[in-house]
């Protein structure tokens, strides 16, 4: 899934997880609920990275907005698209993925020649 917009220019995040979206919403101080086992009902491929849903309360019971600047789902998604790349979990992933592949290069295979 990619979070993107067209009216204000392209803002996108490749494969955002529900945890990352939840972290951004938590930083805003909005009421939210993480649902890790939910998925899009028409999605046939139920991969682990595709699971999860975040429910966010943007409007109070009296109809008032709960955040000063974010009033709509679109504004929330645009904010998430700008903040997710700045998360520590996003910036540390490429370094973590390179370490295991580099350590396996110097090993000799045993058995068949």
Protein backbone atom coordinates (compact mmCIF):
# COMPACT_ATOMS: atom_id res chain seq x y z
CA UNK A 1 0.00 0.00 0.00
CA UNK A 2 1.21 3.46 -0.80
CA UNK A 3 -0.02 6.63 0.83
CA UNK A 4 -0.20 9.23 -1.96
CA UNK A 5 -1.90 12.48 -2.90
CA UNK A 6 -2.29 14.34 -6.17
CA UNK A 7 -3.73 17.76 -5.28
CA UNK A 8 -0.70 18.99 -3.31
CA UNK A 9 1.96 17.09 -5.24
CA UNK A 10 3.19 13.54 -4.82
CA UNK A 11 3.68 12.37 -1.25
CA UNK A 12 4.14 8.66 -0.92
CA UNK A 13 5.49 5.96 1.39
CA UNK A 14 6.26 2.47 0.14
CA UNK A 15 4.57 -0.24 2.20
CA UNK A 16 3.65 1.62 5.39
CA UNK A 17 2.82 -0.72 8.27
CA UNK A 18 0.03 -0.23 10.77
CA UNK A 19 2.66 0.14 13.52
CA UNK A 20 4.31 3.05 11.69
CA UNK A 21 0.98 4.79 11.10
CA UNK A 22 0.09 4.16 14.75
CA UNK A 23 3.37 5.75 15.89
CA UNK A 24 2.65 8.90 13.87
CA UNK A 25 -0.96 9.11 15.14
CA UNK A 26 0.27 8.59 18.72
CA UNK A 27 2.66 11.53 18.31
CA UNK A 28 -0.33 13.71 17.35
CA UNK A 29 -2.15 12.77 20.54
CA UNK A 30 -5.27 11.52 18.73
CA UNK A 31 -7.40 8.66 20.06
CA UNK A 32 -6.67 5.59 17.97
CA UNK A 33 -6.92 1.82 18.00
CA UNK A 34 -4.46 -0.61 16.42
CA UNK A 35 -6.06 -3.74 14.98
CA UNK A 36 -3.20 -6.04 13.92
CA UNK A 37 -5.32 -8.90 12.55
CA UNK A 38 -7.57 -6.84 10.26
CA UNK A 39 -7.02 -6.74 6.50
CA UNK A 40 -8.69 -5.52 3.33
CA UNK A 41 -11.45 -8.04 2.64
CA UNK A 42 -10.76 -8.31 -1.11
CA UNK A 43 -7.03 -8.85 -0.68
CA UNK A 44 -6.25 -12.46 -1.58
CA UNK A 45 -2.62 -12.32 -0.55
CA UNK A 46 -2.65 -12.07 3.24
CA UNK A 47 1.03 -11.44 3.82
CA UNK A 48 2.12 -10.43 7.30
CA UNK A 49 3.28 -6.98 6.17
CA UNK A 50 -0.16 -6.26 4.68
CA UNK A 51 -2.11 -7.02 7.84
CA UNK A 52 -3.31 -4.37 10.25
CA UNK A 53 -5.63 -1.41 10.52
CA UNK A 54 -5.57 1.84 12.47
CA UNK A 55 -8.84 3.44 13.53
CA UNK A 56 -8.48 7.13 14.38
CA UNK A 57 -10.99 9.47 16.00
CA UNK A 58 -10.73 12.84 14.24
CA UNK A 59 -14.05 14.33 15.42
CA UNK A 60 -15.45 14.40 18.95
CA UNK A 61 -18.99 13.48 20.00
CA UNK A 62 -20.14 17.10 19.73
CA UNK A 63 -18.74 17.41 16.18
CA UNK A 64 -15.63 19.35 17.19
CA UNK A 65 -12.23 18.60 15.67
CA UNK A 66 -9.85 16.89 18.08
CA UNK A 67 -6.68 18.31 16.48
CA UNK A 68 -5.88 21.92 15.55
CA UNK A 69 -4.55 21.28 12.04
CA UNK A 70 -5.69 17.77 11.05
CA UNK A 71 -9.44 17.67 10.39
CA UNK A 72 -9.82 15.10 7.59
CA UNK A 73 -8.58 11.64 6.72
CA UNK A 74 -6.74 13.09 3.72
CA UNK A 75 -4.84 15.55 5.91
CA UNK A 76 -3.94 12.71 8.27
CA UNK A 77 -2.66 10.54 5.41
CA UNK A 78 -0.59 13.41 4.01
CA UNK A 79 0.92 13.99 7.45
CA UNK A 80 1.70 10.27 7.80
CA UNK A 81 3.36 10.31 4.36
CA UNK A 82 5.70 13.07 5.47
CA UNK A 83 6.46 11.65 8.93
CA UNK A 84 6.87 7.89 8.33
CA UNK A 85 10.19 8.27 6.44
CA UNK A 86 11.54 10.19 9.47
CA UNK A 87 10.80 7.37 11.94
CA UNK A 88 13.76 5.59 13.54
CA UNK A 89 12.39 2.22 12.41
CA UNK A 90 12.49 3.40 8.76
CA UNK A 91 15.97 4.85 8.89
CA UNK A 92 17.52 1.76 10.55
CA UNK A 93 15.99 -0.92 8.25
CA UNK A 94 18.49 -0.65 5.33
CA UNK A 95 21.48 -1.05 7.68
CA UNK A 96 19.90 -4.09 9.36
CA UNK A 97 19.19 -5.80 6.02
CA UNK A 98 22.78 -5.41 4.79
CA UNK A 99 24.49 -6.98 7.82
CA UNK A 100 23.23 -10.59 7.45
CA UNK A 101 23.93 -10.72 3.70
CA UNK A 102 27.49 -9.44 4.17
CA UNK A 103 28.40 -11.98 6.85
CA UNK A 104 27.40 -14.97 4.70
CA UNK A 105 29.70 -14.15 1.78
CA UNK A 106 32.92 -15.44 3.36
CA UNK A 107 31.60 -18.86 4.36
CA UNK A 108 32.80 -21.89 2.40
CA UNK A 109 30.30 -24.52 1.33
CA UNK A 110 30.85 -27.99 2.69
CA UNK A 111 29.82 -31.15 0.93
CA UNK A 112 29.45 -31.13 -2.86
CA UNK A 113 32.11 -29.62 -5.07
